[in-house]
C-alpha atoms as a PDB file:
ATOM      1  CA  MET A   1     -14.408  99.853 160.990  1.00  0.00           C
ATOM      2  CA  PRO A   2     -10.562 100.212 162.388  1.00  0.00           C
ATOM      3  CA  VAL A   3      -7.782  98.108 161.496  1.00  0.00           C
ATOM      4  CA  ALA A   4      -7.022  96.580 165.096  1.00  0.00           C
ATOM      5  CA  LEU A   5      -3.345  94.777 164.642  1.00  0.00           C
ATOM      6  CA  SER A   6      -2.248  92.970 167.570  1.00  0.00           C
ATOM      7  CA  ARG A   7       0.955  94.376 168.787  1.00  0.00           C
ATOM      8  CA  ARG A   8       2.411  91.285 168.838  1.00  0.00           C
ATOM      9  CA  ARG A   9       1.678  90.246 164.933  1.00  0.00           C
ATOM     10  CA  PHE A  10       3.993  92.644 164.240  1.00  0.00           C
ATOM     11  CA  ILE A  11       6.429  91.479 167.409  1.00  0.00           C
ATOM     12  CA  THR A  12      10.048  93.416 166.336  1.00  0.00           C
ATOM     13  CA  PHE A  13      12.014  91.077 168.402  1.00  0.00           C
ATOM     14  CA  VAL A  14      13.225  87.413 167.222  1.00  0.00           C
ATOM     15  CA  ALA A  15      14.531  85.555 169.647  1.00  0.00           C
ATOM     16  CA  THR A  16      17.622  83.852 167.598  1.00  0.00           C
ATOM     17  CA  ALA A  17      17.935  80.836 170.519  1.00  0.00           C
ATOM     18  CA  ALA A  18      14.739  79.039 169.851  1.00  0.00           C
ATOM     19  CA  GLY A  19      15.586  75.867 168.309  1.00  0.00           C
ATOM     20  CA  LEU A  20      18.799  75.272 169.734  1.00  0.00           C
ATOM     21  CA  PRO A  21      20.336  71.763 170.245  1.00  0.00           C
ATOM     22  CA  LEU A  22      20.556  70.082 173.465  1.00  0.00           C
ATOM     23  CA  LEU A  23      23.596  72.004 175.071  1.00  0.00           C
ATOM     24  CA  LEU A  24      26.176  70.581 177.776  1.00  0.00           C
ATOM     25  CA  LYS A  25      26.455  71.663 180.889  1.00  0.00           C
ATOM     26  CA  ALA A  26      29.064  71.324 183.399  1.00  0.00           C
ATOM     27  CA  GLY A  27      29.636  67.350 184.602  1.00  0.00           C
ATOM     28  CA  GLY A  28      28.155  66.027 181.085  1.00  0.00           C
ATOM     29  CA  ALA A  29      24.584  66.675 181.904  1.00  0.00           C
ATOM     30  CA  ARG A  30      22.401  67.886 178.591  1.00  0.00           C
ATOM     31  CA  ALA A  31      20.436  70.792 179.403  1.00  0.00           C
ATOM     32  CA  ARG A  32      17.079  70.786 177.374  1.00  0.00           C
ATOM     33  CA  LEU A  33      15.378  73.713 175.782  1.00  0.00           C
ATOM     34  CA  VAL A  34      12.003  73.835 177.504  1.00  0.00           C
ATOM     35  CA  ARG A  35       9.413  76.336 175.829  1.00  0.00           C
ATOM     36  CA  TRP A  36       6.254  77.654 176.342  1.00  0.00           C
ATOM     37  CA  GLU A  37       4.443  79.594 174.094  1.00  0.00           C
ATOM     38  CA  GLY A  38       0.727  81.441 174.934  1.00  0.00           C
ATOM     39  CA  THR A  39      -0.483  85.271 175.698  1.00  0.00           C
ATOM     40  CA  ALA A  40       0.161  87.994 178.134  1.00  0.00           C
ATOM     41  CA  LEU A  41      -2.523  90.613 178.450  1.00  0.00           C
ATOM     42  CA  GLY A  42      -3.658  90.054 175.105  1.00  0.00           C
ATOM     43  CA  GLY A  43      -0.298  89.514 172.910  1.00  0.00           C
ATOM     44  CA  PRO A  44       1.705  86.290 172.258  1.00  0.00           C
ATOM     45  CA  ALA A  45       4.505  85.620 175.139  1.00  0.00           C
ATOM     46  CA  SER A  46       6.758  83.035 176.060  1.00  0.00           C
ATOM     47  CA  ILE A  47       9.268  81.455 178.317  1.00  0.00           C
ATOM     48  CA  GLN A  48      12.421  79.812 177.032  1.00  0.00           C
ATOM     49  CA  LEU A  49      14.233  77.701 180.019  1.00  0.00           C
ATOM     50  CA  TYR A  50      16.965  75.453 179.885  1.00  0.00           C
ATOM     51  CA  HIS A  51      16.971  72.144 182.795  1.00  0.00           C
ATOM     52  CA  THR A  52      18.311  68.601 182.288  1.00  0.00           C
ATOM     53  CA  ASP A  53      14.686  67.257 183.912  1.00  0.00           C
ATOM     54  CA  GLU A  54      11.470  68.829 181.973  1.00  0.00           C
ATOM     55  CA  THR A  55       9.331  68.132 184.575  1.00  0.00           C
ATOM     56  CA  VAL A  56      11.040  70.355 186.588  1.00  0.00           C
ATOM     57  CA  ALA A  57      10.921  73.222 183.837  1.00  0.00           C
ATOM     58  CA  GLN A  58       7.353  72.644 183.433  1.00  0.00           C
ATOM     59  CA  GLN A  59       6.514  72.995 187.217  1.00  0.00           C
ATOM     60  CA  ALA A  60       8.107  75.991 187.380  1.00  0.00           C
ATOM     61  CA  ILE A  61       6.104  77.267 184.516  1.00  0.00           C
ATOM     62  CA  SER A  62       3.123  76.342 185.757  1.00  0.00           C
ATOM     63  CA  ALA A  63       4.280  78.790 188.741  1.00  0.00           C
ATOM     64  CA  ALA A  64       4.921  81.550 186.190  1.00  0.00           C
ATOM     65  CA  LEU A  65       1.926  81.441 184.498  1.00  0.00           C
ATOM     66  CA  ALA A  66      -0.241  81.614 187.834  1.00  0.00           C
ATOM     67  CA  GLU A  67       1.835  84.807 188.356  1.00  0.00           C
ATOM     68  CA  LEU A  68       0.436  85.968 184.976  1.00  0.00           C
ATOM     69  CA  ARG A  69      -2.620  85.404 185.625  1.00  0.00           C
ATOM     70  CA  ARG A  70      -2.630  87.261 188.979  1.00  0.00           C
ATOM     71  CA  LEU A  71      -1.216  90.080 187.547  1.00  0.00           C
ATOM     72  CA  GLU A  72      -3.626  89.953 184.308  1.00  0.00           C
ATOM     73  CA  ALA A  73      -6.607  90.558 186.926  1.00  0.00           C
ATOM     74  CA  ILE A  74      -4.920  93.791 187.730  1.00  0.00           C
ATOM     75  CA  PHE A  75      -3.473  95.226 184.733  1.00  0.00           C
ATOM     76  CA  SER A  76      -5.924  94.101 182.113  1.00  0.00           C
ATOM     77  CA  VAL A  77      -7.840  97.225 180.616  1.00  0.00           C
ATOM     78  CA  TYR A  78      -9.415  93.911 178.457  1.00  0.00           C
ATOM     79  CA  ARG A  79     -11.172  92.655 181.709  1.00  0.00           C
ATOM     80  CA  ALA A  80     -14.217  94.011 183.250  1.00  0.00           C
ATOM     81  CA  ASP A  81     -13.182  92.669 186.588  1.00  0.00           C
ATOM     82  CA  SER A  82      -9.342  93.952 186.762  1.00  0.00           C
ATOM     83  CA  ALA A  83      -8.418  96.355 189.482  1.00  0.00           C
ATOM     84  CA  ILE A  84      -7.668  98.943 186.442  1.00  0.00           C
ATOM     85  CA  SER A  85     -11.307  98.685 184.545  1.00  0.00           C
ATOM     86  CA  GLN A  86     -12.747  99.310 188.077  1.00  0.00           C
ATOM     87  CA  LEU A  87     -10.728 102.340 188.986  1.00  0.00           C
ATOM     88  CA  ASN A  88     -11.450 103.575 185.072  1.00  0.00           C
ATOM     89  CA  ARG A  89     -15.358 103.232 186.149  1.00  0.00           C
ATOM     90  CA  GLN A  90     -15.200 104.481 189.510  1.00  0.00           C
ATOM     91  CA  GLY A  91     -12.689 107.060 189.383  1.00  0.00           C
ATOM     92  CA  GLN A  92     -11.244 105.783 192.631  1.00  0.00           C
ATOM     93  CA  LEU A  93     -10.165 102.535 194.122  1.00  0.00           C
ATOM     94  CA  ASP A  94      -9.489 101.708 197.463  1.00  0.00           C
ATOM     95  CA  HIS A  95      -6.964  98.913 198.902  1.00  0.00           C
ATOM     96  CA  ALA A  96      -5.771  98.741 195.685  1.00  0.00           C
ATOM     97  CA  PRO A  97      -3.160  95.869 194.892  1.00  0.00           C
ATOM     98  CA  ALA A  98       0.538  96.890 196.032  1.00  0.00           C
ATOM     99  CA  ASP A  99       1.270  95.908 192.300  1.00  0.00           C
ATOM    100  CA  LEU A 100      -1.141  98.718 190.667  1.00  0.00           C
ATOM    101  CA  ILE A 101       0.548 101.126 192.722  1.00  0.00           C
ATOM    102  CA  THR A 102       4.422 100.417 192.192  1.00  0.00           C
ATOM    103  CA  MET A 103       3.334 100.518 188.601  1.00  0.00           C
ATOM    104  CA  LEU A 104       1.429 103.692 188.989  1.00  0.00           C
ATOM    105  CA  GLU A 105       4.138 105.166 190.643  1.00  0.00           C
ATOM    106  CA  ARG A 106       6.397 104.550 188.033  1.00  0.00           C
ATOM    107  CA  ALA A 107       4.395 105.693 185.253  1.00  0.00           C
ATOM    108  CA  LEU A 108       3.707 108.828 187.299  1.00  0.00           C
ATOM    109  CA  SER A 109       7.716 109.497 187.516  1.00  0.00           C
ATOM    110  CA  LEU A 110       8.472 108.774 184.002  1.00  0.00           C
ATOM    111  CA  ALA A 111       5.726 111.327 183.092  1.00  0.00           C
ATOM    112  CA  LYS A 112       7.335 114.030 185.158  1.00  0.00           C
ATOM    113  CA  ILE A 113      10.909 112.808 183.524  1.00  0.00           C
ATOM    114  CA  SER A 114       9.510 113.650 180.320  1.00  0.00           C
ATOM    115  CA  ASP A 115       7.329 116.528 180.696  1.00  0.00           C
ATOM    116  CA  GLY A 116       4.331 114.654 180.017  1.00  0.00           C
ATOM    117  CA  VAL A 117       5.110 113.551 176.477  1.00  0.00           C
ATOM    118  CA  TYR A 118       4.595 109.810 178.660  1.00  0.00           C
ATOM    119  CA  ASP A 119       1.386 110.325 180.202  1.00  0.00           C
ATOM    120  CA  PRO A 120      -0.710 106.941 181.431  1.00  0.00           C
ATOM    121  CA  THR A 121      -3.749 108.891 181.512  1.00  0.00           C
ATOM    122  CA  VAL A 122      -4.435 108.853 178.003  1.00  0.00           C
ATOM    123  CA  GLN A 123      -7.066 106.364 177.864  1.00  0.00           C
ATOM    124  CA  PRO A 124      -9.935 108.892 176.818  1.00  0.00           C
ATOM    125  CA  LEU A 125      -8.324 109.342 173.755  1.00  0.00           C
ATOM    126  CA  TRP A 126      -7.895 105.608 172.801  1.00  0.00           C
ATOM    127  CA  ASN A 127     -11.640 105.598 173.967  1.00  0.00           C
ATOM    128  CA  LEU A 128     -12.332 108.700 171.385  1.00  0.00           C
ATOM    129  CA  TYR A 129     -10.335 107.484 168.481  1.00  0.00           C
ATOM    130  CA  PHE A 130     -11.918 103.474 168.722  1.00  0.00           C
ATOM    131  CA  THR A 131     -15.243 105.109 169.079  1.00  0.00           C
ATOM    132  CA  HIS A 132     -14.902 107.177 166.048  1.00  0.00           C
ATOM    133  CA  PHE A 133     -13.435 104.371 163.855  1.00  0.00           C
ATOM    134  CA  ALA A 134     -15.817 102.015 164.931  1.00  0.00           C
ATOM    135  CA  ALA A 135     -18.649 103.759 164.094  1.00  0.00           C
ATOM    136  CA  ALA A 136     -20.245 103.403 160.607  1.00  0.00           C
ATOM    137  CA  ASN A 137     -18.888 105.483 157.510  1.00  0.00           C
ATOM    138  CA  PRO A 138     -16.173 107.211 160.356  1.00  0.00           C
ATOM    139  CA  ASP A 139     -14.506 110.686 158.756  1.00  0.00           C
ATOM    140  CA  PRO A 140     -11.110 109.462 157.498  1.00  0.00           C
ATOM    141  CA  ALA A 141      -9.638 112.843 158.901  1.00  0.00           C
ATOM    142  CA  GLY A 142     -10.552 111.210 162.279  1.00  0.00           C
ATOM    143  CA  PRO A 143     -12.248 112.874 165.433  1.00  0.00           C
ATOM    144  CA  SER A 144     -13.367 116.589 165.329  1.00  0.00           C
ATOM    145  CA  ALA A 145     -10.812 119.261 166.663  1.00  0.00           C
ATOM    146  CA  HIS A 146     -13.442 119.922 169.446  1.00  0.00           C
ATOM    147  CA  ALA A 147     -14.156 116.197 170.153  1.00  0.00           C
ATOM    148  CA  LEU A 148     -10.127 115.872 170.635  1.00  0.00           C
ATOM    149  CA  ASP A 149      -9.950 118.796 172.786  1.00  0.00           C
ATOM    150  CA  THR A 150     -12.543 117.256 174.914  1.00  0.00           C
ATOM    151  CA  ALA A 151     -10.951 114.501 175.433  1.00  0.00           C
ATOM    152  CA  LEU A 152      -7.169 116.077 175.950  1.00  0.00           C
ATOM    153  CA  ALA A 153      -8.808 117.960 178.760  1.00  0.00           C
ATOM    154  CA  LEU A 154      -8.931 114.537 180.726  1.00  0.00           C
ATOM    155  CA  VAL A 155      -5.556 113.784 179.931  1.00  0.00           C
ATOM    156  CA  ASP A 156      -3.271 114.893 183.025  1.00  0.00           C
ATOM    157  CA  TRP A 157      -0.912 112.458 185.220  1.00  0.00           C
ATOM    158  CA  ARG A 158      -0.885 115.631 187.536  1.00  0.00           C
ATOM    159  CA  SER A 159      -4.493 114.558 188.071  1.00  0.00           C
ATOM    160  CA  VAL A 160      -3.877 111.134 189.675  1.00  0.00           C
ATOM    161  CA  GLU A 161      -3.770 110.502 193.414  1.00  0.00           C
ATOM    162  CA  VAL A 162      -1.889 107.949 194.530  1.00  0.00           C
ATOM    163  CA  ASP A 163      -1.350 107.249 198.696  1.00  0.00           C
ATOM    164  CA  ARG A 164       0.126 104.035 199.205  1.00  0.00           C
ATOM    165  CA  THR A 165      -0.310 104.514 202.562  1.00  0.00           C
ATOM    166  CA  SER A 166      -4.280 103.828 202.463  1.00  0.00           C
ATOM    167  CA  LYS A 167      -3.682 101.993 199.344  1.00  0.00           C
ATOM    168  CA  ARG A 168      -5.770 104.629 197.731  1.00  0.00           C
ATOM    169  CA  ILE A 169      -5.685 105.605 193.945  1.00  0.00           C
ATOM    170  CA  ALA A 170      -8.039 108.447 192.709  1.00  0.00           C
ATOM    171  CA  PHE A 171      -8.750 110.788 189.457  1.00  0.00           C
ATOM    172  CA  ALA A 172      -9.613 114.469 190.710  1.00  0.00           C
ATOM    173  CA  ARG A 173     -12.031 114.959 187.588  1.00  0.00           C
ATOM    174  CA  PRO A 174     -14.711 112.665 186.546  1.00  0.00           C
ATOM    175  CA  GLY A 175     -14.123 110.608 182.928  1.00  0.00           C
ATOM    176  CA  MET A 176     -10.896 110.400 183.296  1.00  0.00           C
ATOM    177  CA  GLY A 177      -8.808 106.757 182.656  1.00  0.00           C
ATOM    178  CA  LEU A 178      -5.839 104.766 182.671  1.00  0.00           C
ATOM    179  CA  THR A 179      -3.680 102.661 180.769  1.00  0.00           C
ATOM    180  CA  LEU A 180      -0.434 101.118 181.893  1.00  0.00           C
ATOM    181  CA  ASN A 181      -0.018  98.678 179.214  1.00  0.00           C
ATOM    182  CA  SER A 182       3.256 100.649 177.736  1.00  0.00           C
ATOM    183  CA  GLY A 183       4.677  99.584 180.943  1.00  0.00           C
ATOM    184  CA  ALA A 184       2.972  96.845 182.462  1.00  0.00           C
ATOM    185  CA  GLN A 185       4.179  94.528 180.003  1.00  0.00           C
ATOM    186  CA  GLY A 186       7.867  95.249 181.504  1.00  0.00           C
ATOM    187  CA  TYR A 187       6.517  94.679 184.914  1.00  0.00           C
ATOM    188  CA  ILE A 188       4.956  91.421 184.587  1.00  0.00           C
ATOM    189  CA  THR A 189       8.168  89.927 182.409  1.00  0.00           C
ATOM    190  CA  ASP A 190      10.127  90.924 185.484  1.00  0.00           C
ATOM    191  CA  LYS A 191       7.879  89.204 188.114  1.00  0.00           C
ATOM    192  CA  VAL A 192       7.099  86.391 185.983  1.00  0.00           C
ATOM    193  CA  ALA A 193      10.898  86.181 185.909  1.00  0.00           C
ATOM    194  CA  ASP A 194      11.540  86.381 189.619  1.00  0.00           C
ATOM    195  CA  VAL A 195       9.349  83.599 190.269  1.00  0.00           C
ATOM    196  CA  LEU A 196      11.140  81.037 187.764  1.00  0.00           C
ATOM    197  CA  ARG A 197      14.281  82.697 189.354  1.00  0.00           C
ATOM    198  CA  ALA A 198      12.874  81.559 192.934  1.00  0.00           C
ATOM    199  CA  HIS A 199      12.437  78.229 191.360  1.00  0.00           C
ATOM    200  CA  GLY A 200      16.195  77.514 190.512  1.00  0.00           C
ATOM    201  CA  PHE A 201      16.497  79.020 187.076  1.00  0.00           C
ATOM    202  CA  ASP A 202      18.921  81.353 186.213  1.00  0.00           C
ATOM    203  CA  ARG A 203      19.441  81.064 182.417  1.00  0.00           C
ATOM    204  CA  MET A 204      16.315  82.412 180.569  1.00  0.00           C
ATOM    205  CA  LEU A 205      14.309  84.392 177.873  1.00  0.00           C
ATOM    206  CA  VAL A 206      10.884  85.686 179.413  1.00  0.00           C
ATOM    207  CA  ASP A 207       9.044  87.481 177.169  1.00  0.00           C
ATOM    208  CA  MET A 208       5.846  88.596 178.687  1.00  0.00           C
ATOM    209  CA  GLY A 209       5.181  91.276 175.504  1.00  0.00           C
ATOM    210  CA  GLU A 210       8.938  92.528 176.323  1.00  0.00           C
ATOM    211  CA  PRO A 211      11.607  90.187 176.047  1.00  0.00           C
ATOM    212  CA  ARG A 212      14.172  89.644 179.476  1.00  0.00           C
ATOM    213  CA  ALA A 213      17.222  87.932 179.037  1.00  0.00           C
ATOM    214  CA  LEU A 214      18.428  86.257 182.654  1.00  0.00           C
ATOM    215  CA  SER A 215      22.095  85.278 182.694  1.00  0.00           C
ATOM    216  CA  ALA A 216      23.928  83.704 179.430  1.00  0.00           C
ATOM    217  CA  LYS A 217      22.430  80.763 177.975  1.00  0.00           C
ATOM    218  CA  PRO A 218      23.867  77.280 179.050  1.00  0.00           C
ATOM    219  CA  ASP A 219      26.958  77.112 176.788  1.00  0.00           C
ATOM    220  CA  GLY A 220      27.930  80.598 177.814  1.00  0.00           C
ATOM    221  CA  SER A 221      26.670  82.447 175.251  1.00  0.00           C
ATOM    222  CA  ALA A 222      24.539  85.881 174.820  1.00  0.00           C
ATOM    223  CA  TRP A 223      20.874  85.797 173.651  1.00  0.00           C
ATOM    224  CA  ARG A 224      20.611  87.281 170.675  1.00  0.00           C
ATOM    225  CA  ILE A 225      17.597  89.442 169.696  1.00  0.00           C
ATOM    226  CA  GLY A 226      17.068  90.944 166.255  1.00  0.00           C
ATOM    227  CA  ILE A 227      14.976  94.168 165.801  1.00  0.00           C
ATOM    228  CA  ALA A 228      13.063  94.264 162.927  1.00  0.00           C
ATOM    229  CA  ASN A 229      12.151  96.775 160.294  1.00  0.00           C
ATOM    230  CA  PRO A 230       8.800  97.975 160.999  1.00  0.00           C
ATOM    231  CA  ALA A 231       7.785  97.828 157.772  1.00  0.00           C
ATOM    232  CA  ASP A 232       8.568  93.979 156.946  1.00  0.00           C
ATOM    233  CA  ARG A 233       9.156  91.907 160.217  1.00  0.00           C
ATOM    234  CA  ASN A 234      11.058  89.310 158.288  1.00  0.00           C
ATOM    235  CA  GLN A 235      13.740  91.634 157.966  1.00  0.00           C
ATOM    236  CA  THR A 236      16.328  91.879 161.084  1.00  0.00           C
ATOM    237  CA  VAL A 237      17.786  95.771 160.933  1.00  0.00           C
ATOM    238  CA  VAL A 238      20.210  95.098 163.711  1.00  0.00           C
ATOM    239  CA  SER A 239      20.613  92.426 166.494  1.00  0.00           C
ATOM    240  CA  LEU A 240      21.854  93.033 169.625  1.00  0.00           C
ATOM    241  CA  ASP A 241      23.611  90.064 172.133  1.00  0.00           C
ATOM    242  CA  VAL A 242      21.936  90.570 175.701  1.00  0.00           C
ATOM    243  CA  VAL A 243      22.694  89.091 179.180  1.00  0.00           C
ATOM    244  CA  ASP A 244      20.572  90.094 182.024  1.00  0.00           C
ATOM    245  CA  LYS A 245      18.876  92.589 180.053  1.00  0.00           C
ATOM    246  CA  CYS A 246      15.513  93.452 178.542  1.00  0.00           C
ATOM    247  CA  ILE A 247      14.086  94.950 175.488  1.00  0.00           C
ATOM    248  CA  SER A 248      11.186  96.580 174.909  1.00  0.00           C
ATOM    249  CA  THR A 249      10.154  98.223 171.593  1.00  0.00           C
ATOM    250  CA  SER A 250       7.173 100.631 170.785  1.00  0.00           C
ATOM    251  CA  GLY A 251       5.892 101.342 167.054  1.00  0.00           C
ATOM    252  CA  GLY A 252       2.585 102.913 165.777  1.00  0.00           C
ATOM    253  CA  TYR A 253       2.319  99.831 163.868  1.00  0.00           C
ATOM    254  CA  GLY A 254       1.191  97.885 166.925  1.00  0.00           C
ATOM    255  CA  THR A 255      -2.240  99.027 166.651  1.00  0.00           C
ATOM    256  CA  ILE A 256      -3.727 100.576 163.292  1.00  0.00           C
ATOM    257  CA  LEU A 257      -7.241 102.496 164.190  1.00  0.00           C
ATOM    258  CA  ASP A 258      -8.312 103.639 160.428  1.00  0.00           C
ATOM    259  CA  GLN A 259      -8.037 101.545 157.015  1.00  0.00           C
ATOM    260  CA  ALA A 260      -5.657 104.049 155.613  1.00  0.00           C
ATOM    261  CA  GLY A 261      -3.103 103.522 158.225  1.00  0.00           C
ATOM    262  CA  ARG A 262      -2.783 106.916 159.671  1.00  0.00           C
ATOM    263  CA  PHE A 263      -4.033 106.838 163.117  1.00  0.00           C
ATOM    264  CA  THR A 264      -2.100 104.170 165.825  1.00  0.00           C
ATOM    265  CA  HIS A 265      -2.561 103.376 169.414  1.00  0.00           C
ATOM    266  CA  ILE A 266       0.273 105.366 170.391  1.00  0.00           C
ATOM    267  CA  PHE A 267      -0.826 109.069 171.373  1.00  0.00           C
ATOM    268  CA  ASP A 268       0.613 112.823 171.205  1.00  0.00           C
ATOM    269  CA  THR A 269       0.108 114.118 174.673  1.00  0.00           C
ATOM    270  CA  ARG A 270       0.417 117.494 173.262  1.00  0.00           C
ATOM    271  CA  THR A 271      -1.452 117.678 170.292  1.00  0.00           C
ATOM    272  CA  GLY A 272      -4.246 114.643 170.347  1.00  0.00           C
ATOM    273  CA  GLY A 273      -2.225 113.106 167.219  1.00  0.00           C
ATOM    274  CA  THR A 274      -0.950 109.677 166.876  1.00  0.00           C
ATOM    275  CA  ALA A 275       2.409 108.365 166.274  1.00  0.00           C
ATOM    276  CA  PRO A 276       3.558 107.365 162.784  1.00  0.00           C
ATOM    277  CA  ALA A 277       2.978 103.906 161.642  1.00  0.00           C
ATOM    278  CA  MET A 278       6.212 102.573 160.480  1.00  0.00           C
ATOM    279  CA  PHE A 279       8.229 103.992 163.058  1.00  0.00           C
ATOM    280  CA  SER A 280       9.737 102.535 166.258  1.00  0.00           C
ATOM    281  CA  VAL A 281      12.050 102.680 169.002  1.00  0.00           C
ATOM    282  CA  SER A 282      13.810 100.158 171.063  1.00  0.00           C
ATOM    283  CA  VAL A 283      15.073 100.672 174.766  1.00  0.00           C
ATOM    284  CA  VAL A 284      17.476  98.346 176.495  1.00  0.00           C
ATOM    285  CA  ALA A 285      17.494  98.655 180.246  1.00  0.00           C
ATOM    286  CA  ASP A 286      18.607  96.207 183.278  1.00  0.00           C
ATOM    287  CA  SER A 287      14.743  95.550 183.492  1.00  0.00           C
ATOM    288  CA  GLY A 288      11.282  95.481 181.902  1.00  0.00           C
ATOM    289  CA  ILE A 289       9.985  98.323 184.363  1.00  0.00           C
ATOM    290  CA  ALA A 290      12.715 100.362 182.824  1.00  0.00           C
ATOM    291  CA  ALA A 291      12.885  99.479 179.628  1.00  0.00           C
ATOM    292  CA  ASP A 292       8.724  99.662 178.967  1.00  0.00           C
ATOM    293  CA  GLY A 293       7.199 102.959 179.061  1.00  0.00           C
ATOM    294  CA  LEU A 294      10.614 104.198 178.407  1.00  0.00           C
ATOM    295  CA  SER A 295      10.518 102.883 174.543  1.00  0.00           C
ATOM    296  CA  THR A 296       6.720 104.446 174.104  1.00  0.00           C
ATOM    297  CA  THR A 297       8.640 107.770 175.676  1.00  0.00           C
ATOM    298  CA  MET A 298      11.269 107.956 173.256  1.00  0.00           C
ATOM    299  CA  LEU A 299       9.044 107.127 170.222  1.00  0.00           C
ATOM    300  CA  MET A 300       7.110 110.619 171.125  1.00  0.00           C
ATOM    301  CA  ALA A 301       9.980 112.916 172.587  1.00  0.00           C
ATOM    302  CA  PRO A 302      12.085 115.416 170.763  1.00  0.00           C
ATOM    303  CA  ALA A 303      15.132 115.092 169.866  1.00  0.00           C
ATOM    304  CA  ASP A 304      17.042 117.278 171.727  1.00  0.00           C
ATOM    305  CA  LYS A 305      15.346 115.796 175.235  1.00  0.00           C
ATOM    306  CA  ARG A 306      15.921 112.038 174.195  1.00  0.00           C
ATOM    307  CA  GLN A 307      18.959 111.623 176.009  1.00  0.00           C
ATOM    308  CA  ALA A 308      18.119 113.221 179.016  1.00  0.00           C
ATOM    309  CA  ILE A 309      15.075 110.857 179.304  1.00  0.00           C
ATOM    310  CA  LEU A 310      17.092 107.693 178.608  1.00  0.00           C
ATOM    311  CA  LYS A 311      19.529 108.080 181.350  1.00  0.00           C
ATOM    312  CA  ALA A 312      16.712 109.922 184.148  1.00  0.00           C
ATOM    313  CA  GLY A 313      14.254 106.764 183.182  1.00  0.00           C
ATOM    314  CA  GLY A 314      17.026 104.097 183.472  1.00  0.00           C
ATOM    315  CA  GLY A 315      17.617 103.057 180.258  1.00  0.00           C
ATOM    316  CA  GLU A 316      20.512 102.859 178.656  1.00  0.00           C
ATOM    317  CA  GLN A 317      20.535 102.876 174.802  1.00  0.00           C
ATOM    318  CA  ALA A 318      17.716 103.396 172.506  1.00  0.00           C
ATOM    319  CA  ILE A 319      17.870 102.424 168.755  1.00  0.00           C
ATOM    320  CA  PHE A 320      15.256 104.280 166.304  1.00  0.00           C
ATOM    321  CA  VAL A 321      14.170 102.486 163.218  1.00  0.00           C
ATOM    322  CA  THR A 322      12.295 103.401 160.172  1.00  0.00           C
ATOM    323  CA  PRO A 323      11.536 101.260 157.173  1.00  0.00           C
ATOM    324  CA  GLN A 324      14.418 102.548 155.671  1.00  0.00           C
ATOM    325  CA  GLY A 325      16.810 101.249 158.567  1.00  0.00           C
ATOM    326  CA  VAL A 326      18.049 102.022 162.117  1.00  0.00           C
ATOM    327  CA  VAL A 327      18.290 105.996 161.948  1.00  0.00           C
ATOM    328  CA  ALA A 328      19.661 107.274 165.173  1.00  0.00           C
ATOM    329  CA  THR A 329      21.077 105.466 168.247  1.00  0.00           C
ATOM    330  CA  VAL A 330      20.991 106.967 171.690  1.00  0.00           C
ATOM    331  CA  LYS A 331      22.905 106.166 174.427  1.00  0.00           C
ATOM    332  CA  ALA A 332      22.227 107.353 178.309  1.00  0.00           C
END
């Protein structure tokens, strides 16, 4: 059986603001840290708010969680009734939700920018690997070359038709499948932050799979996010002071498909192979939708293409980490 490790079990971010004491606001009123923890798209998620009235903060969090549930009903590949699951079953979706179209347009744009290094139609590869390693006594070398070729023939971002006017999404070939997991978490983070901001909050740290800091903390200091060693999540390799930014991390360690740890959930769309387990990339951008997806892309992009992809995709910097430490930082 495959070793399916939760992506967030090896989360590479540590929000060191958690657990801070009460902080003074203007006029002497005390702003209390109010924290929610739960799950989003199957992984751990959290919200940190500061307010003088915890009841007000909890009401805002309740509204944010309603938005989270709405978006999970669109993007979750783990729910049979989600919009994306219906699309994958039927090969087309009429009356597609606006959020799905927006996120898919972003994904297809990133696929074009990266010349297909990022491709949201990799679901057939995921299905192949998962089925292979879930079988009794699977070949430890992975799926056969023929099976990989068959799956790869269904991976092609250019074969996705999106019509915003008619609200229709369709695949050009039967058997294709879509996943937006490497973008939807950032998108959901942005949307949840928008709800909280509409309730009057402007100082918060929202993590729906990708942490996004809104403004500074009440004392004026930045939120500090630690990027961990992929091989030891308790070891922080570098810390970043973040204000009005999102940080997204991708790494093969997120889901290990086989007992030996050779095959991971991030696929090379050129070969059908997978990303190394103990290697990660963190991308800093102004929003979750910009950062998420880019981190997966940068993980697989050729070194000489990284800066151009980062800049075109709206990222600010990318930090590459191995078990030996930071090996490279690329700035747009």
